[in-house]
Each structure stands twice: as structure tokens, then as C-alpha cells.
Amino acid sequence: MKSARDRRGPRFVVRHSGVHGRGLFASRRIRPGARLIEYTGERLSEAEVAARYPGRAAEDPHTLLFVVDRNTTIDASVGGNAARFINHSCQPNCEARLEGDRIFIHAIRNIQPGVELNYDYGLVIEPGYSAARARAYACRCGAPRCRGTMLARRGRS
């Protein structure tokens, strides 16, 4: 027998996003604090990431890598789930939380059906990067207070 939660259907669906490629969209109301999905994929060491994505390829803003700690990175392009479609926003409605050695996405405010799920990627790249390099991380979230980049605010890591 299905629980009431199961009868309501999935909380989100993958579809085309106006921000970038595909996105994850609420299919029903999601309350603040709800744990939505684990960010899954193949778990790699730093050496394995370097071998799979040589040079700056690992820093490409379109890779699906999520750093867990100094020794572990999740590559959602291999064995990943729908969490890999969550796009960046400068005014997010979700956040990524480290729980043990796992990453979960949680809602941080009410999300209505049809609204795209997003979190602030807060990406960090090498110091002293060029303007051309920074442009690769341009943000297209469309938020009223968009900072124009998926990179973390200076002084934040």
C-alpha cells in the first residue's frame, strides 16, 4: 500500500530550464527545511578527478563535480541522479548540506509547483584568475540581486 506521500507523486521533475540546459522543478509545494534529494554519483579521489578531467577540465563550470572534502569529490556524470540538474541562483531556494560524507539538497524557503529548484554554487577557482576565465562562470539566474557570477563572493569559501 502506498503512503500518502507516495500518492501525491514526486516532489520535482526534470525539464528544460531557462537558466541553463535542464533544471529540476517543483511538481508540488515544498516547505522550508525539507530534505529533497541526495547529490549522488561516482566518488573520486583528487588523483582520480585529475586523471578523468586533466588540466582545467575539472574546473569547467559545466562539469558535475561536487567536492565533499579534501579526499572526495562526487562526479554526478557517472551514476548521478536528478540532483545534477539543479541550477545555480544568486538568490536560491535550496542549499546543499554536508551530512557526514554525503551531500543533500534542502529547501530553504517555500517553493511552489512549477518553480525551478536552485542553490548557490559558490564555486572557487584559483586566485588571480583573468576576466576571460571569470566569464566562463557567468550567472544567468535572472535574480533581482544577481551578482553576475557562479563564483563565491570574495572572502567566502
N, C-alpha and C. Protein backbone atom coordinates (compact mmCIF):
# COMPACT_ATOMS: atom_id res chain seq x y z
N MET A 1 0.84 -1.18 0.00
CA MET A 1 0.00 0.00 0.00
C MET A 1 0.89 1.25 0.00
N LYS A 2 0.56 2.22 -0.83
CA LYS A 2 1.34 3.45 -0.90
C LYS A 2 0.98 4.38 0.24
N SER A 3 1.99 5.08 0.74
CA SER A 3 1.73 6.08 1.79
C SER A 3 1.11 7.31 1.14
N ALA A 4 0.58 8.21 1.96
CA ALA A 4 0.00 9.46 1.45
C ALA A 4 1.05 10.24 0.67
N ARG A 5 2.30 10.21 1.12
CA ARG A 5 3.39 10.92 0.45
C ARG A 5 3.57 10.37 -0.97
N ASP A 6 3.53 9.04 -1.14
CA ASP A 6 3.71 8.43 -2.46
C ASP A 6 2.55 8.74 -3.39
N ARG A 7 1.32 8.79 -2.88
CA ARG A 7 0.14 9.05 -3.71
C ARG A 7 0.15 10.45 -4.30
N ARG A 8 0.85 11.36 -3.66
CA ARG A 8 0.91 12.73 -4.18
C ARG A 8 1.88 12.84 -5.35
N GLY A 9 2.67 11.83 -5.59
CA GLY A 9 3.62 11.85 -6.70
C GLY A 9 4.94 12.47 -6.31
N PRO A 10 5.84 12.58 -7.28
CA PRO A 10 7.18 13.10 -6.99
C PRO A 10 7.13 14.60 -6.65
N ARG A 11 8.10 15.03 -5.86
CA ARG A 11 8.17 16.44 -5.47
C ARG A 11 8.75 17.31 -6.56
N PHE A 12 9.45 16.70 -7.52
CA PHE A 12 10.09 17.50 -8.56
C PHE A 12 10.21 16.70 -9.83
N VAL A 13 10.40 17.43 -10.94
CA VAL A 13 10.56 16.82 -12.26
C VAL A 13 11.69 17.54 -12.98
N VAL A 14 12.35 16.82 -13.90
CA VAL A 14 13.41 17.40 -14.73
C VAL A 14 12.75 17.88 -16.02
N ARG A 15 13.07 19.13 -16.39
CA ARG A 15 12.59 19.64 -17.68
C ARG A 15 13.50 20.78 -18.13
N HIS A 16 13.24 21.31 -19.33
CA HIS A 16 14.06 22.39 -19.87
C HIS A 16 14.04 23.59 -18.92
N SER A 17 15.21 24.21 -18.75
CA SER A 17 15.37 25.37 -17.88
C SER A 17 15.75 26.60 -18.69
N GLY A 18 15.18 27.72 -18.34
CA GLY A 18 15.57 28.99 -18.94
C GLY A 18 16.90 29.48 -18.43
N VAL A 19 17.39 28.90 -17.35
CA VAL A 19 18.69 29.28 -16.78
C VAL A 19 19.81 28.59 -17.54
N HIS A 20 19.71 27.26 -17.65
CA HIS A 20 20.74 26.50 -18.36
C HIS A 20 20.27 25.08 -18.57
N GLY A 21 20.28 24.63 -19.80
CA GLY A 21 20.00 23.21 -20.11
C GLY A 21 18.72 22.71 -19.48
N ARG A 22 18.87 21.67 -18.69
CA ARG A 22 17.73 21.12 -17.96
C ARG A 22 17.81 21.59 -16.51
N GLY A 23 16.68 21.62 -15.86
CA GLY A 23 16.60 22.01 -14.46
C GLY A 23 15.66 21.10 -13.72
N LEU A 24 15.64 21.24 -12.41
CA LEU A 24 14.74 20.47 -11.56
C LEU A 24 13.65 21.42 -11.08
N PHE A 25 12.40 21.04 -11.27
CA PHE A 25 11.27 21.91 -10.96
C PHE A 25 10.33 21.24 -9.97
N ALA A 26 9.82 22.03 -9.04
CA ALA A 26 8.87 21.51 -8.06
C ALA A 26 7.59 21.08 -8.77
N SER A 27 7.10 19.91 -8.45
CA SER A 27 5.83 19.45 -9.02
C SER A 27 4.71 19.58 -8.00
N ARG A 28 5.06 19.92 -6.79
CA ARG A 28 4.09 20.23 -5.73
C ARG A 28 4.78 21.16 -4.74
N ARG A 29 4.02 21.71 -3.83
CA ARG A 29 4.58 22.63 -2.85
C ARG A 29 5.64 21.94 -2.00
N ILE A 30 6.74 22.65 -1.78
CA ILE A 30 7.83 22.13 -0.94
C ILE A 30 8.03 23.13 0.19
N ARG A 31 8.05 22.64 1.39
CA ARG A 31 8.18 23.50 2.57
C ARG A 31 9.65 23.74 2.93
N PRO A 32 9.93 24.86 3.58
CA PRO A 32 11.30 25.14 4.03
C PRO A 32 11.80 24.02 4.95
N GLY A 33 13.06 23.68 4.80
CA GLY A 33 13.67 22.65 5.64
C GLY A 33 13.55 21.25 5.09
N ALA A 34 12.72 21.05 4.08
CA ALA A 34 12.55 19.70 3.51
C ALA A 34 13.84 19.22 2.87
N ARG A 35 14.24 17.99 3.21
CA ARG A 35 15.36 17.35 2.52
C ARG A 35 14.81 16.80 1.22
N LEU A 36 15.38 17.27 0.10
CA LEU A 36 14.81 16.94 -1.20
C LEU A 36 15.45 15.76 -1.88
N ILE A 37 16.78 15.75 -1.93
CA ILE A 37 17.47 14.74 -2.72
C ILE A 37 18.94 14.72 -2.33
N GLU A 38 19.53 13.55 -2.43
CA GLU A 38 20.98 13.44 -2.23
C GLU A 38 21.68 13.67 -3.56
N TYR A 39 22.80 14.37 -3.52
CA TYR A 39 23.63 14.55 -4.72
C TYR A 39 24.48 13.30 -4.84
N THR A 40 24.18 12.47 -5.84
CA THR A 40 24.87 11.18 -5.96
C THR A 40 25.72 11.13 -7.23
N GLY A 41 26.59 10.17 -7.24
CA GLY A 41 27.46 9.93 -8.38
C GLY A 41 28.65 9.13 -7.92
N GLU A 42 29.57 8.94 -8.83
CA GLU A 42 30.78 8.20 -8.50
C GLU A 42 31.66 9.04 -7.58
N ARG A 43 32.16 8.42 -6.53
CA ARG A 43 33.02 9.10 -5.57
C ARG A 43 34.47 8.92 -6.01
N LEU A 44 35.16 10.04 -6.18
CA LEU A 44 36.53 10.02 -6.70
C LEU A 44 37.50 10.69 -5.74
N SER A 45 38.74 10.23 -5.78
CA SER A 45 39.81 10.89 -5.05
C SER A 45 40.30 12.07 -5.89
N GLU A 46 41.12 12.91 -5.31
CA GLU A 46 41.69 14.04 -6.05
C GLU A 46 42.48 13.55 -7.27
N ALA A 47 43.23 12.47 -7.10
CA ALA A 47 44.01 11.91 -8.21
C ALA A 47 43.09 11.38 -9.32
N GLU A 48 42.00 10.75 -8.95
CA GLU A 48 41.06 10.24 -9.95
C GLU A 48 40.38 11.38 -10.72
N VAL A 49 40.06 12.47 -10.02
CA VAL A 49 39.47 13.64 -10.69
C VAL A 49 40.48 14.19 -11.69
N ALA A 50 41.74 14.33 -11.26
CA ALA A 50 42.78 14.88 -12.14
C ALA A 50 42.99 14.00 -13.37
N ALA A 51 42.89 12.69 -13.21
CA ALA A 51 43.06 11.78 -14.34
C ALA A 51 41.86 11.84 -15.30
N ARG A 52 40.67 11.93 -14.74
CA ARG A 52 39.46 11.96 -15.57
C ARG A 52 39.27 13.31 -16.26
N TYR A 53 39.64 14.38 -15.57
CA TYR A 53 39.46 15.74 -16.09
C TYR A 53 40.80 16.46 -16.05
N PRO A 54 41.68 16.16 -17.01
CA PRO A 54 43.02 16.75 -16.98
C PRO A 54 43.00 18.27 -17.17
N GLY A 55 44.03 18.91 -16.63
CA GLY A 55 44.15 20.37 -16.75
C GLY A 55 43.00 21.07 -16.06
N ARG A 56 42.47 22.05 -16.75
CA ARG A 56 41.37 22.83 -16.17
C ARG A 56 39.99 22.23 -16.43
N ALA A 57 39.94 21.08 -17.06
CA ALA A 57 38.65 20.48 -17.37
C ALA A 57 37.81 20.25 -16.11
N ALA A 58 38.45 19.93 -14.99
CA ALA A 58 37.71 19.71 -13.73
C ALA A 58 37.09 21.00 -13.23
N GLU A 59 37.62 22.13 -13.66
CA GLU A 59 37.09 23.42 -13.21
C GLU A 59 36.08 24.01 -14.19
N ASP A 60 35.77 23.28 -15.25
CA ASP A 60 34.77 23.74 -16.20
C ASP A 60 33.45 23.90 -15.45
N PRO A 61 32.78 25.03 -15.60
CA PRO A 61 31.53 25.23 -14.86
C PRO A 61 30.42 24.27 -15.25
N HIS A 62 30.62 23.50 -16.32
CA HIS A 62 29.58 22.57 -16.75
C HIS A 62 29.90 21.13 -16.39
N THR A 63 30.95 20.91 -15.60
CA THR A 63 31.17 19.55 -15.09
C THR A 63 30.21 19.35 -13.93
N LEU A 64 30.03 18.12 -13.54
CA LEU A 64 29.06 17.79 -12.50
C LEU A 64 29.77 17.32 -11.24
N LEU A 65 30.83 18.04 -10.86
CA LEU A 65 31.64 17.65 -9.71
C LEU A 65 31.20 18.43 -8.48
N PHE A 66 31.10 17.72 -7.36
CA PHE A 66 30.77 18.35 -6.09
C PHE A 66 31.81 17.88 -5.08
N VAL A 67 32.61 18.81 -4.58
CA VAL A 67 33.67 18.47 -3.63
C VAL A 67 33.05 18.24 -2.26
N VAL A 68 33.31 17.06 -1.70
CA VAL A 68 32.82 16.71 -0.36
C VAL A 68 33.84 17.13 0.68
N ASP A 69 35.10 16.75 0.45
CA ASP A 69 36.19 17.11 1.35
C ASP A 69 37.51 17.02 0.58
N ARG A 70 38.63 17.17 1.26
CA ARG A 70 39.94 17.14 0.58
C ARG A 70 40.17 15.88 -0.21
N ASN A 71 39.55 14.79 0.21
CA ASN A 71 39.83 13.49 -0.39
C ASN A 71 38.72 12.94 -1.28
N THR A 72 37.57 13.60 -1.30
CA THR A 72 36.42 13.02 -2.00
C THR A 72 35.68 14.06 -2.82
N THR A 73 35.44 13.71 -4.07
CA THR A 73 34.62 14.52 -4.98
C THR A 73 33.58 13.60 -5.59
N ILE A 74 32.35 14.08 -5.70
CA ILE A 74 31.29 13.30 -6.33
C ILE A 74 31.18 13.75 -7.79
N ASP A 75 31.25 12.79 -8.70
CA ASP A 75 31.08 13.07 -10.13
C ASP A 75 29.71 12.55 -10.53
N ALA A 76 28.74 13.47 -10.64
CA ALA A 76 27.36 13.08 -10.96
C ALA A 76 27.18 12.69 -12.41
N SER A 77 28.21 12.87 -13.25
CA SER A 77 28.09 12.43 -14.64
C SER A 77 28.17 10.91 -14.75
N VAL A 78 28.59 10.25 -13.66
CA VAL A 78 28.66 8.79 -13.60
C VAL A 78 27.83 8.35 -12.40
N GLY A 79 26.68 7.78 -12.65
CA GLY A 79 25.83 7.28 -11.57
C GLY A 79 25.08 8.37 -10.82
N GLY A 80 25.02 9.56 -11.39
CA GLY A 80 24.32 10.65 -10.73
C GLY A 80 22.81 10.55 -10.90
N ASN A 81 22.11 11.31 -10.09
CA ASN A 81 20.64 11.32 -10.15
C ASN A 81 20.16 12.70 -10.58
N ALA A 82 18.91 12.99 -10.37
CA ALA A 82 18.30 14.25 -10.81
C ALA A 82 18.90 15.48 -10.13
N ALA A 83 19.58 15.32 -9.01
CA ALA A 83 20.20 16.46 -8.32
C ALA A 83 21.20 17.18 -9.23
N ARG A 84 21.77 16.47 -10.18
CA ARG A 84 22.76 17.08 -11.07
C ARG A 84 22.15 18.15 -11.96
N PHE A 85 20.82 18.20 -12.05
CA PHE A 85 20.15 19.19 -12.88
C PHE A 85 19.78 20.46 -12.12
N ILE A 86 20.09 20.53 -10.85
CA ILE A 86 19.76 21.74 -10.09
C ILE A 86 20.73 22.84 -10.48
N ASN A 87 20.19 23.93 -10.98
CA ASN A 87 21.00 25.04 -11.45
C ASN A 87 21.34 26.01 -10.33
N HIS A 88 22.31 26.87 -10.62
CA HIS A 88 22.77 27.90 -9.69
C HIS A 88 21.79 29.08 -9.66
N SER A 89 21.69 29.72 -8.51
CA SER A 89 21.00 31.01 -8.40
C SER A 89 21.68 31.83 -7.32
N CYS A 90 21.74 33.13 -7.55
CA CYS A 90 22.30 34.05 -6.56
C CYS A 90 21.31 34.31 -5.42
N GLN A 91 20.04 33.99 -5.63
CA GLN A 91 19.01 34.07 -4.60
C GLN A 91 18.30 32.73 -4.56
N PRO A 92 18.98 31.73 -3.99
CA PRO A 92 18.50 30.35 -4.08
C PRO A 92 17.29 30.05 -3.20
N ASN A 93 16.59 28.97 -3.57
CA ASN A 93 15.50 28.47 -2.74
C ASN A 93 15.89 27.17 -2.05
N CYS A 94 17.12 26.70 -2.32
CA CYS A 94 17.64 25.47 -1.71
C CYS A 94 19.09 25.71 -1.29
N GLU A 95 19.61 24.77 -0.52
CA GLU A 95 21.03 24.78 -0.18
C GLU A 95 21.53 23.35 -0.11
N ALA A 96 22.82 23.21 -0.38
CA ALA A 96 23.48 21.91 -0.28
C ALA A 96 24.06 21.80 1.13
N ARG A 97 23.81 20.69 1.77
CA ARG A 97 24.32 20.47 3.13
C ARG A 97 25.14 19.18 3.18
N LEU A 98 26.28 19.28 3.81
CA LEU A 98 27.12 18.11 4.04
C LEU A 98 26.60 17.41 5.28
N GLU A 99 26.25 16.15 5.14
CA GLU A 99 25.78 15.33 6.26
C GLU A 99 26.65 14.08 6.29
N GLY A 100 27.63 14.07 7.20
CA GLY A 100 28.62 13.00 7.20
C GLY A 100 29.47 13.17 5.97
N ASP A 101 29.49 12.17 5.10
CA ASP A 101 30.25 12.27 3.85
C ASP A 101 29.31 12.31 2.65
N ARG A 102 28.08 12.73 2.89
CA ARG A 102 27.07 12.79 1.83
C ARG A 102 26.55 14.22 1.70
N ILE A 103 26.10 14.56 0.49
CA ILE A 103 25.57 15.89 0.20
C ILE A 103 24.06 15.75 -0.04
N PHE A 104 23.28 16.55 0.69
CA PHE A 104 21.83 16.57 0.49
C PHE A 104 21.40 17.98 0.14
N ILE A 105 20.38 18.09 -0.69
CA ILE A 105 19.81 19.37 -1.05
C ILE A 105 18.55 19.56 -0.20
N HIS A 106 18.48 20.73 0.46
CA HIS A 106 17.35 21.08 1.33
C HIS A 106 16.70 22.36 0.84
N ALA A 107 15.39 22.43 0.96
CA ALA A 107 14.68 23.67 0.66
C ALA A 107 14.95 24.67 1.78
N ILE A 108 15.16 25.93 1.43
CA ILE A 108 15.38 26.95 2.47
C ILE A 108 14.22 27.95 2.54
N ARG A 109 13.25 27.77 1.65
CA ARG A 109 12.02 28.57 1.72
C ARG A 109 10.92 27.82 1.00
N ASN A 110 9.70 28.31 1.09
CA ASN A 110 8.58 27.70 0.38
C ASN A 110 8.86 27.73 -1.12
N ILE A 111 8.59 26.62 -1.77
CA ILE A 111 8.76 26.53 -3.21
C ILE A 111 7.43 26.04 -3.78
N GLN A 112 6.86 26.82 -4.66
CA GLN A 112 5.55 26.50 -5.24
C GLN A 112 5.72 25.59 -6.47
N PRO A 113 4.69 24.85 -6.82
CA PRO A 113 4.75 24.00 -8.01
C PRO A 113 5.13 24.82 -9.24
N GLY A 114 6.00 24.24 -10.06
CA GLY A 114 6.44 24.89 -11.29
C GLY A 114 7.68 25.74 -11.14
N VAL A 115 8.11 26.00 -9.90
CA VAL A 115 9.29 26.82 -9.65
C VAL A 115 10.54 25.95 -9.74
N GLU A 116 11.57 26.49 -10.39
CA GLU A 116 12.82 25.77 -10.52
C GLU A 116 13.58 25.74 -9.20
N LEU A 117 14.10 24.57 -8.84
CA LEU A 117 14.94 24.43 -7.65
C LEU A 117 16.33 24.92 -8.00
N ASN A 118 16.99 25.59 -7.06
CA ASN A 118 18.33 26.10 -7.31
C ASN A 118 19.06 26.32 -5.99
N TYR A 119 20.37 26.35 -6.07
CA TYR A 119 21.18 26.70 -4.91
C TYR A 119 22.37 27.50 -5.40
N ASP A 120 23.04 28.18 -4.49
CA ASP A 120 24.21 29.00 -4.82
C ASP A 120 25.41 28.07 -4.90
N TYR A 121 25.97 27.91 -6.08
CA TYR A 121 27.11 27.01 -6.25
C TYR A 121 28.32 27.48 -5.44
N GLY A 122 28.51 28.79 -5.32
CA GLY A 122 29.65 29.31 -4.56
C GLY A 122 30.97 28.70 -5.01
N LEU A 123 31.18 28.62 -6.31
CA LEU A 123 32.38 27.98 -6.85
C LEU A 123 33.64 28.78 -6.50
N VAL A 124 34.74 28.07 -6.33
CA VAL A 124 36.03 28.69 -6.03
C VAL A 124 37.03 28.20 -7.07
N ILE A 125 37.74 29.14 -7.68
CA ILE A 125 38.79 28.79 -8.63
C ILE A 125 40.09 29.44 -8.17
N GLU A 126 41.16 29.20 -8.92
CA GLU A 126 42.49 29.67 -8.50
C GLU A 126 42.50 31.19 -8.32
N PRO A 127 43.29 31.68 -7.36
CA PRO A 127 43.41 33.14 -7.17
C PRO A 127 44.03 33.81 -8.39
N GLY A 128 43.71 35.07 -8.59
CA GLY A 128 44.30 35.84 -9.68
C GLY A 128 43.81 35.45 -11.05
N TYR A 129 42.60 34.87 -11.14
CA TYR A 129 42.08 34.46 -12.43
C TYR A 129 41.78 35.69 -13.30
N SER A 130 41.82 35.47 -14.59
CA SER A 130 41.61 36.55 -15.55
C SER A 130 40.13 36.83 -15.74
N ALA A 131 39.83 37.98 -16.34
CA ALA A 131 38.44 38.33 -16.65
C ALA A 131 37.85 37.31 -17.62
N ALA A 132 38.68 36.85 -18.56
CA ALA A 132 38.20 35.85 -19.52
C ALA A 132 37.81 34.56 -18.79
N ARG A 133 38.61 34.15 -17.83
CA ARG A 133 38.31 32.95 -17.05
C ARG A 133 37.04 33.15 -16.24
N ALA A 134 36.87 34.32 -15.66
CA ALA A 134 35.68 34.61 -14.87
C ALA A 134 34.42 34.56 -15.72
N ARG A 135 34.51 34.97 -16.98
CA ARG A 135 33.34 34.96 -17.86
C ARG A 135 32.79 33.55 -18.07
N ALA A 136 33.63 32.55 -17.96
CA ALA A 136 33.15 31.17 -18.09
C ALA A 136 32.18 30.80 -16.98
N TYR A 137 32.22 31.57 -15.89
CA TYR A 137 31.37 31.31 -14.73
C TYR A 137 30.25 32.33 -14.61
N ALA A 138 29.90 32.96 -15.72
CA ALA A 138 28.82 33.96 -15.71
C ALA A 138 27.52 33.32 -15.22
N CYS A 139 26.78 34.07 -14.46
CA CYS A 139 25.50 33.60 -13.94
C CYS A 139 24.37 34.10 -14.84
N ARG A 140 23.40 33.24 -15.05
CA ARG A 140 22.23 33.60 -15.84
C ARG A 140 20.95 33.33 -15.07
N CYS A 141 21.02 33.46 -13.74
CA CYS A 141 19.88 33.09 -12.91
C CYS A 141 18.71 34.06 -13.03
N GLY A 142 18.99 35.31 -13.37
CA GLY A 142 17.92 36.28 -13.52
C GLY A 142 17.36 36.83 -12.23
N ALA A 143 17.98 36.52 -11.09
CA ALA A 143 17.51 37.02 -9.80
C ALA A 143 17.66 38.54 -9.74
N PRO A 144 16.77 39.22 -9.05
CA PRO A 144 16.88 40.69 -8.94
C PRO A 144 18.23 41.16 -8.41
N ARG A 145 18.83 40.39 -7.52
CA ARG A 145 20.14 40.76 -6.97
C ARG A 145 21.23 39.81 -7.44
N CYS A 146 21.16 39.42 -8.71
CA CYS A 146 22.17 38.53 -9.29
C CYS A 146 23.53 39.20 -9.23
N ARG A 147 24.54 38.47 -8.76
CA ARG A 147 25.88 39.04 -8.67
C ARG A 147 26.67 38.85 -9.96
N GLY A 148 26.06 38.17 -10.95
CA GLY A 148 26.66 38.04 -12.26
C GLY A 148 27.65 36.90 -12.41
N THR A 149 27.84 36.11 -11.37
CA THR A 149 28.80 35.01 -11.42
C THR A 149 28.37 33.87 -10.52
N MET A 150 28.77 32.64 -10.89
CA MET A 150 28.53 31.48 -10.04
C MET A 150 29.65 31.31 -9.02
N LEU A 151 30.68 32.17 -9.13
CA LEU A 151 31.80 32.11 -8.19
C LEU A 151 31.37 32.64 -6.84
N ALA A 152 32.00 32.13 -5.80
CA ALA A 152 31.70 32.57 -4.43
C ALA A 152 32.04 34.05 -4.29
N ARG A 153 31.32 34.69 -3.40
CA ARG A 153 31.66 36.08 -3.09
C ARG A 153 33.07 36.11 -2.56
N ARG A 154 33.80 37.17 -2.88
CA ARG A 154 35.19 37.29 -2.40
C ARG A 154 35.19 37.20 -0.88
N GLY A 155 36.17 36.47 -0.35
CA GLY A 155 36.28 36.29 1.09
C GLY A 155 35.43 35.16 1.62
N ARG A 156 34.61 34.53 0.76
CA ARG A 156 33.76 33.41 1.15
C ARG A 156 34.28 32.15 0.48
N SER A 157 34.32 31.06 1.19
CA SER A 157 34.71 29.79 0.55
C SER A 157 33.79 28.69 0.93
